[in-house]
């Protein structure tokens, strides 16, 4: 994932889409719509766009949050919280970055898989 752009096969949830229920996929995901449920894409990247919303758990390789998320993130790689983000929950990842200006209310556990 470079600058929030996934360049390989991906699933996109558009801004007019609302999904209530869990998602399991084997490709990268871009979410600009609303997910009320868990997202499991263990070995792939998740990008939550500025208009996107997730209420649930996320299991992914790398995660970049620009929208609203309330829930837990379990990432085997990096979690990025951008200045546009509104995040509350728990994060378990190898590394994390939080840009100045983000709303960030979380507990963080680093270095464990």
N, C-alpha and C. Protein backbone atom coordinates (compact mmCIF):
# COMPACT_ATOMS: atom_id res chain seq x y z
N UNK A 1 0.86 -1.17 0.00
CA UNK A 1 0.00 0.00 0.00
C UNK A 1 0.91 1.22 0.00
N UNK A 2 0.70 2.09 -0.95
CA UNK A 2 1.49 3.30 -1.05
C UNK A 2 0.56 4.49 -1.10
N UNK A 3 0.70 5.41 -0.16
CA UNK A 3 -0.16 6.59 -0.08
C UNK A 3 -1.64 6.22 -0.05
N UNK A 4 -1.96 5.09 0.58
CA UNK A 4 -3.36 4.69 0.70
C UNK A 4 -3.94 4.10 -0.57
N UNK A 5 -3.10 3.84 -1.57
CA UNK A 5 -3.59 3.29 -2.82
C UNK A 5 -3.12 1.84 -2.93
N UNK A 6 -4.07 0.95 -3.04
CA UNK A 6 -3.76 -0.46 -3.22
C UNK A 6 -3.63 -0.72 -4.71
N UNK A 7 -2.49 -1.25 -5.14
CA UNK A 7 -2.23 -1.40 -6.57
C UNK A 7 -2.45 -2.81 -7.08
N UNK A 8 -2.89 -3.74 -6.23
CA UNK A 8 -3.15 -5.11 -6.65
C UNK A 8 -4.65 -5.35 -6.65
N UNK A 9 -5.05 -6.62 -6.81
CA UNK A 9 -6.48 -6.96 -6.75
C UNK A 9 -7.06 -6.49 -5.44
N UNK A 10 -8.30 -5.96 -5.50
CA UNK A 10 -8.90 -5.41 -4.30
C UNK A 10 -10.41 -5.45 -4.38
N UNK A 11 -11.03 -5.34 -3.23
CA UNK A 11 -12.47 -5.18 -3.11
C UNK A 11 -12.71 -3.76 -2.64
N UNK A 12 -13.66 -3.08 -3.27
CA UNK A 12 -13.98 -1.71 -2.87
C UNK A 12 -15.43 -1.66 -2.41
N UNK A 13 -15.65 -1.07 -1.24
CA UNK A 13 -16.99 -0.81 -0.73
C UNK A 13 -17.23 0.68 -0.92
N UNK A 14 -18.11 1.03 -1.84
CA UNK A 14 -18.33 2.44 -2.20
C UNK A 14 -19.12 3.19 -1.15
N UNK A 15 -19.10 4.52 -1.23
CA UNK A 15 -19.71 5.37 -0.20
C UNK A 15 -21.21 5.20 -0.08
N UNK A 16 -21.89 4.69 -1.06
CA UNK A 16 -23.34 4.49 -0.97
C UNK A 16 -23.71 3.10 -0.44
N UNK A 17 -22.69 2.30 -0.06
CA UNK A 17 -22.92 0.93 0.37
C UNK A 17 -22.85 0.82 1.90
N UNK A 18 -23.82 0.10 2.47
CA UNK A 18 -23.83 -0.22 3.90
C UNK A 18 -23.90 -1.74 4.01
N UNK A 19 -22.94 -2.32 4.74
CA UNK A 19 -22.91 -3.75 4.96
C UNK A 19 -23.07 -4.01 6.44
N UNK A 20 -24.08 -4.82 6.78
CA UNK A 20 -24.28 -5.23 8.17
C UNK A 20 -23.99 -6.72 8.25
N UNK A 21 -22.84 -7.05 8.83
CA UNK A 21 -22.40 -8.43 8.91
C UNK A 21 -20.91 -8.51 8.71
N UNK A 22 -20.34 -9.65 8.95
CA UNK A 22 -18.90 -9.83 8.86
C UNK A 22 -18.46 -10.09 7.42
N UNK A 23 -17.23 -9.69 7.13
CA UNK A 23 -16.64 -9.88 5.81
C UNK A 23 -15.35 -10.67 5.97
N UNK A 24 -15.16 -11.70 5.13
CA UNK A 24 -13.90 -12.42 5.02
C UNK A 24 -13.50 -12.37 3.57
N UNK A 25 -12.26 -11.94 3.31
CA UNK A 25 -11.81 -11.84 1.92
C UNK A 25 -10.35 -12.24 1.83
N UNK A 26 -9.92 -12.55 0.61
CA UNK A 26 -8.53 -12.90 0.35
C UNK A 26 -7.96 -11.94 -0.68
N UNK A 27 -8.18 -10.65 -0.44
CA UNK A 27 -7.59 -9.60 -1.25
C UNK A 27 -7.65 -8.30 -0.46
N UNK A 28 -6.96 -7.28 -0.96
CA UNK A 28 -6.94 -5.97 -0.31
C UNK A 28 -8.35 -5.36 -0.34
N UNK A 29 -8.63 -4.47 0.63
CA UNK A 29 -9.94 -3.82 0.67
C UNK A 29 -9.80 -2.31 0.82
N UNK A 30 -10.64 -1.60 0.09
CA UNK A 30 -10.79 -0.16 0.24
C UNK A 30 -12.24 0.07 0.66
N UNK A 31 -12.42 0.72 1.81
CA UNK A 31 -13.76 0.94 2.32
C UNK A 31 -14.05 2.43 2.37
N UNK A 32 -15.02 2.85 1.57
CA UNK A 32 -15.51 4.23 1.59
C UNK A 32 -16.95 4.28 2.09
N UNK A 33 -17.56 3.13 2.24
CA UNK A 33 -18.93 3.02 2.74
C UNK A 33 -18.93 2.68 4.22
N UNK A 34 -19.99 2.01 4.67
CA UNK A 34 -20.17 1.68 6.08
C UNK A 34 -20.19 0.17 6.28
N UNK A 35 -19.39 -0.31 7.24
CA UNK A 35 -19.37 -1.72 7.62
C UNK A 35 -19.75 -1.79 9.09
N UNK A 36 -20.82 -2.51 9.39
CA UNK A 36 -21.20 -2.78 10.78
C UNK A 36 -21.00 -4.27 11.00
N UNK A 37 -19.77 -4.63 11.36
CA UNK A 37 -19.39 -6.03 11.51
C UNK A 37 -17.89 -6.14 11.41
N UNK A 38 -17.39 -7.35 11.49
CA UNK A 38 -15.95 -7.58 11.47
C UNK A 38 -15.44 -7.75 10.05
N UNK A 39 -14.18 -7.34 9.83
CA UNK A 39 -13.52 -7.49 8.54
C UNK A 39 -12.27 -8.33 8.75
N UNK A 40 -12.20 -9.48 8.07
CA UNK A 40 -11.07 -10.39 8.21
C UNK A 40 -10.41 -10.60 6.85
N UNK A 41 -9.26 -9.96 6.68
CA UNK A 41 -8.46 -10.11 5.45
C UNK A 41 -7.00 -10.31 5.86
N UNK A 42 -6.76 -11.32 6.64
CA UNK A 42 -5.52 -11.52 7.39
C UNK A 42 -4.22 -11.15 6.69
N UNK A 43 -3.97 -11.59 5.49
CA UNK A 43 -2.70 -11.34 4.82
C UNK A 43 -2.77 -10.22 3.79
N UNK A 44 -3.75 -9.35 3.94
CA UNK A 44 -3.96 -8.28 2.96
C UNK A 44 -4.14 -6.95 3.67
N UNK A 45 -4.13 -5.86 2.92
CA UNK A 45 -4.19 -4.51 3.47
C UNK A 45 -5.59 -3.95 3.43
N UNK A 46 -5.91 -3.12 4.43
CA UNK A 46 -7.20 -2.45 4.48
C UNK A 46 -6.98 -0.95 4.52
N UNK A 47 -7.72 -0.24 3.67
CA UNK A 47 -7.68 1.21 3.63
C UNK A 47 -9.10 1.71 3.88
N UNK A 48 -9.28 2.48 4.95
CA UNK A 48 -10.56 3.10 5.26
C UNK A 48 -10.49 4.54 4.82
N UNK A 49 -11.25 4.88 3.78
CA UNK A 49 -11.24 6.22 3.21
C UNK A 49 -11.85 7.25 4.15
N UNK A 50 -11.69 8.53 3.84
CA UNK A 50 -12.15 9.61 4.71
C UNK A 50 -13.66 9.61 4.95
N UNK A 51 -14.44 9.07 4.03
CA UNK A 51 -15.89 8.98 4.22
C UNK A 51 -16.33 7.63 4.73
N UNK A 52 -15.38 6.72 4.94
CA UNK A 52 -15.70 5.36 5.36
C UNK A 52 -15.94 5.25 6.86
N UNK A 53 -16.64 4.16 7.22
CA UNK A 53 -16.99 3.94 8.63
C UNK A 53 -16.98 2.44 8.90
N UNK A 54 -16.30 2.06 9.98
CA UNK A 54 -16.29 0.66 10.42
C UNK A 54 -16.65 0.63 11.90
N UNK A 55 -17.61 -0.22 12.24
CA UNK A 55 -17.93 -0.50 13.63
C UNK A 55 -17.77 -2.00 13.80
N UNK A 56 -16.60 -2.43 14.29
CA UNK A 56 -16.30 -3.85 14.44
C UNK A 56 -14.81 -4.08 14.47
N UNK A 57 -14.41 -5.33 14.47
CA UNK A 57 -12.99 -5.70 14.49
C UNK A 57 -12.44 -5.79 13.08
N UNK A 58 -11.14 -5.47 12.96
CA UNK A 58 -10.42 -5.62 11.70
C UNK A 58 -9.21 -6.49 11.95
N UNK A 59 -9.05 -7.53 11.12
CA UNK A 59 -7.86 -8.38 11.13
C UNK A 59 -7.26 -8.25 9.74
N UNK A 60 -6.05 -7.69 9.65
CA UNK A 60 -5.42 -7.46 8.35
C UNK A 60 -3.91 -7.42 8.51
N UNK A 61 -3.22 -7.31 7.38
CA UNK A 61 -1.77 -7.18 7.42
C UNK A 61 -1.39 -5.75 7.80
N UNK A 62 -1.76 -4.79 6.97
CA UNK A 62 -1.53 -3.38 7.23
C UNK A 62 -2.87 -2.66 7.16
N UNK A 63 -3.04 -1.62 8.00
CA UNK A 63 -4.31 -0.91 8.07
C UNK A 63 -4.03 0.59 8.05
N UNK A 64 -4.76 1.31 7.19
CA UNK A 64 -4.67 2.77 7.15
C UNK A 64 -6.07 3.33 7.35
N UNK A 65 -6.23 4.15 8.39
CA UNK A 65 -7.54 4.71 8.75
C UNK A 65 -7.55 6.20 8.46
N UNK A 66 -8.48 6.61 7.59
CA UNK A 66 -8.71 8.04 7.32
C UNK A 66 -10.12 8.45 7.71
N UNK A 67 -10.99 7.47 7.95
CA UNK A 67 -12.37 7.74 8.29
C UNK A 67 -12.66 7.45 9.75
N UNK A 68 -13.89 7.00 10.03
CA UNK A 68 -14.35 6.72 11.38
C UNK A 68 -14.27 5.23 11.65
N UNK A 69 -13.65 4.86 12.76
CA UNK A 69 -13.64 3.46 13.15
C UNK A 69 -13.78 3.35 14.65
N UNK A 70 -14.71 2.48 15.06
CA UNK A 70 -14.87 2.14 16.46
C UNK A 70 -14.78 0.63 16.56
N UNK A 71 -13.69 0.15 17.16
CA UNK A 71 -13.47 -1.29 17.27
C UNK A 71 -12.01 -1.59 17.41
N UNK A 72 -11.67 -2.85 17.32
CA UNK A 72 -10.30 -3.31 17.53
C UNK A 72 -9.62 -3.63 16.20
N UNK A 73 -8.32 -3.37 16.17
CA UNK A 73 -7.51 -3.70 14.99
C UNK A 73 -6.43 -4.68 15.43
N UNK A 74 -6.33 -5.80 14.70
CA UNK A 74 -5.24 -6.74 14.86
C UNK A 74 -4.52 -6.81 13.53
N UNK A 75 -3.30 -6.26 13.50
CA UNK A 75 -2.54 -6.19 12.25
C UNK A 75 -1.20 -6.88 12.44
N UNK A 76 -0.78 -7.66 11.44
CA UNK A 76 0.52 -8.30 11.50
C UNK A 76 1.63 -7.34 11.09
N UNK A 77 1.25 -6.21 10.51
CA UNK A 77 2.22 -5.21 10.07
C UNK A 77 1.99 -3.89 10.78
N UNK A 78 1.71 -2.85 9.98
CA UNK A 78 1.62 -1.47 10.47
C UNK A 78 0.18 -0.96 10.47
N UNK A 79 -0.12 -0.12 11.45
CA UNK A 79 -1.39 0.60 11.49
C UNK A 79 -1.08 2.09 11.38
N UNK A 80 -1.74 2.77 10.45
CA UNK A 80 -1.58 4.21 10.27
C UNK A 80 -2.91 4.89 10.56
N UNK A 81 -2.88 5.87 11.45
CA UNK A 81 -4.05 6.69 11.76
C UNK A 81 -3.74 8.08 11.24
N UNK A 82 -4.47 8.52 10.23
CA UNK A 82 -4.17 9.81 9.60
C UNK A 82 -4.90 10.95 10.32
N UNK A 83 -4.55 12.17 9.95
CA UNK A 83 -5.13 13.34 10.61
C UNK A 83 -6.63 13.46 10.40
N UNK A 84 -7.19 12.83 9.37
CA UNK A 84 -8.63 12.88 9.12
C UNK A 84 -9.39 11.86 9.96
N UNK A 85 -8.69 10.94 10.60
CA UNK A 85 -9.30 9.80 11.26
C UNK A 85 -9.99 10.15 12.58
N UNK A 86 -10.99 9.32 12.90
CA UNK A 86 -11.65 9.33 14.20
C UNK A 86 -11.66 7.87 14.64
N UNK A 87 -10.73 7.51 15.52
CA UNK A 87 -10.56 6.11 15.91
C UNK A 87 -10.70 5.95 17.41
N UNK A 88 -11.47 4.94 17.80
CA UNK A 88 -11.49 4.53 19.21
C UNK A 88 -11.54 3.01 19.26
N UNK A 89 -10.69 2.43 20.10
CA UNK A 89 -10.63 0.99 20.23
C UNK A 89 -9.28 0.52 20.69
N UNK A 90 -8.95 -0.74 20.38
CA UNK A 90 -7.67 -1.34 20.74
C UNK A 90 -6.91 -1.66 19.47
N UNK A 91 -5.58 -1.52 19.55
CA UNK A 91 -4.73 -1.85 18.41
C UNK A 91 -3.65 -2.81 18.88
N UNK A 92 -3.47 -3.90 18.13
CA UNK A 92 -2.40 -4.85 18.34
C UNK A 92 -1.68 -4.97 17.00
N UNK A 93 -0.44 -4.47 16.93
CA UNK A 93 0.29 -4.50 15.66
C UNK A 93 1.79 -4.45 15.92
N UNK A 94 2.57 -4.58 14.84
CA UNK A 94 4.02 -4.46 14.96
C UNK A 94 4.45 -3.01 15.11
N UNK A 95 3.74 -2.09 14.41
CA UNK A 95 4.07 -0.68 14.53
C UNK A 95 2.82 0.16 14.28
N UNK A 96 2.88 1.42 14.71
CA UNK A 96 1.75 2.31 14.57
C UNK A 96 2.26 3.73 14.34
N UNK A 97 1.51 4.48 13.54
CA UNK A 97 1.79 5.91 13.40
C UNK A 97 0.46 6.65 13.51
N UNK A 98 0.50 7.78 14.21
CA UNK A 98 -0.69 8.61 14.39
C UNK A 98 -0.32 10.03 14.00
N UNK A 99 -1.01 10.58 12.99
CA UNK A 99 -0.74 11.94 12.55
C UNK A 99 -1.38 12.94 13.51
N UNK A 100 -0.71 14.07 13.65
CA UNK A 100 -1.25 15.15 14.47
C UNK A 100 -2.58 15.60 13.89
N UNK A 101 -3.58 15.76 14.75
CA UNK A 101 -4.90 16.19 14.31
C UNK A 101 -5.92 15.07 14.30
N UNK A 102 -5.47 13.82 14.39
CA UNK A 102 -6.39 12.69 14.41
C UNK A 102 -7.08 12.62 15.77
N UNK A 103 -8.35 12.17 15.78
CA UNK A 103 -8.99 11.82 17.05
C UNK A 103 -8.58 10.39 17.32
N UNK A 104 -7.94 10.15 18.46
CA UNK A 104 -7.35 8.84 18.75
C UNK A 104 -7.57 8.52 20.22
N UNK A 105 -8.45 7.57 20.49
CA UNK A 105 -8.76 7.12 21.85
C UNK A 105 -8.57 5.61 21.85
N UNK A 106 -7.36 5.16 22.20
CA UNK A 106 -7.07 3.74 22.02
C UNK A 106 -6.07 3.23 23.03
N UNK A 107 -6.10 1.91 23.21
CA UNK A 107 -5.02 1.24 23.90
C UNK A 107 -4.22 0.50 22.82
N UNK A 108 -2.91 0.48 22.96
CA UNK A 108 -2.04 -0.06 21.92
C UNK A 108 -1.11 -1.10 22.52
N UNK A 109 -0.98 -2.23 21.81
CA UNK A 109 -0.02 -3.27 22.17
C UNK A 109 0.84 -3.51 20.94
N UNK A 110 2.14 -3.24 21.05
CA UNK A 110 3.05 -3.37 19.92
C UNK A 110 3.94 -4.59 20.03
N UNK A 111 4.30 -5.12 18.88
CA UNK A 111 5.31 -6.15 18.81
C UNK A 111 4.84 -7.57 18.98
N UNK A 112 3.55 -7.79 19.19
CA UNK A 112 3.06 -9.16 19.34
C UNK A 112 2.23 -9.54 18.13
N UNK A 113 2.32 -10.81 17.76
CA UNK A 113 1.56 -11.26 16.61
C UNK A 113 0.27 -11.87 17.05
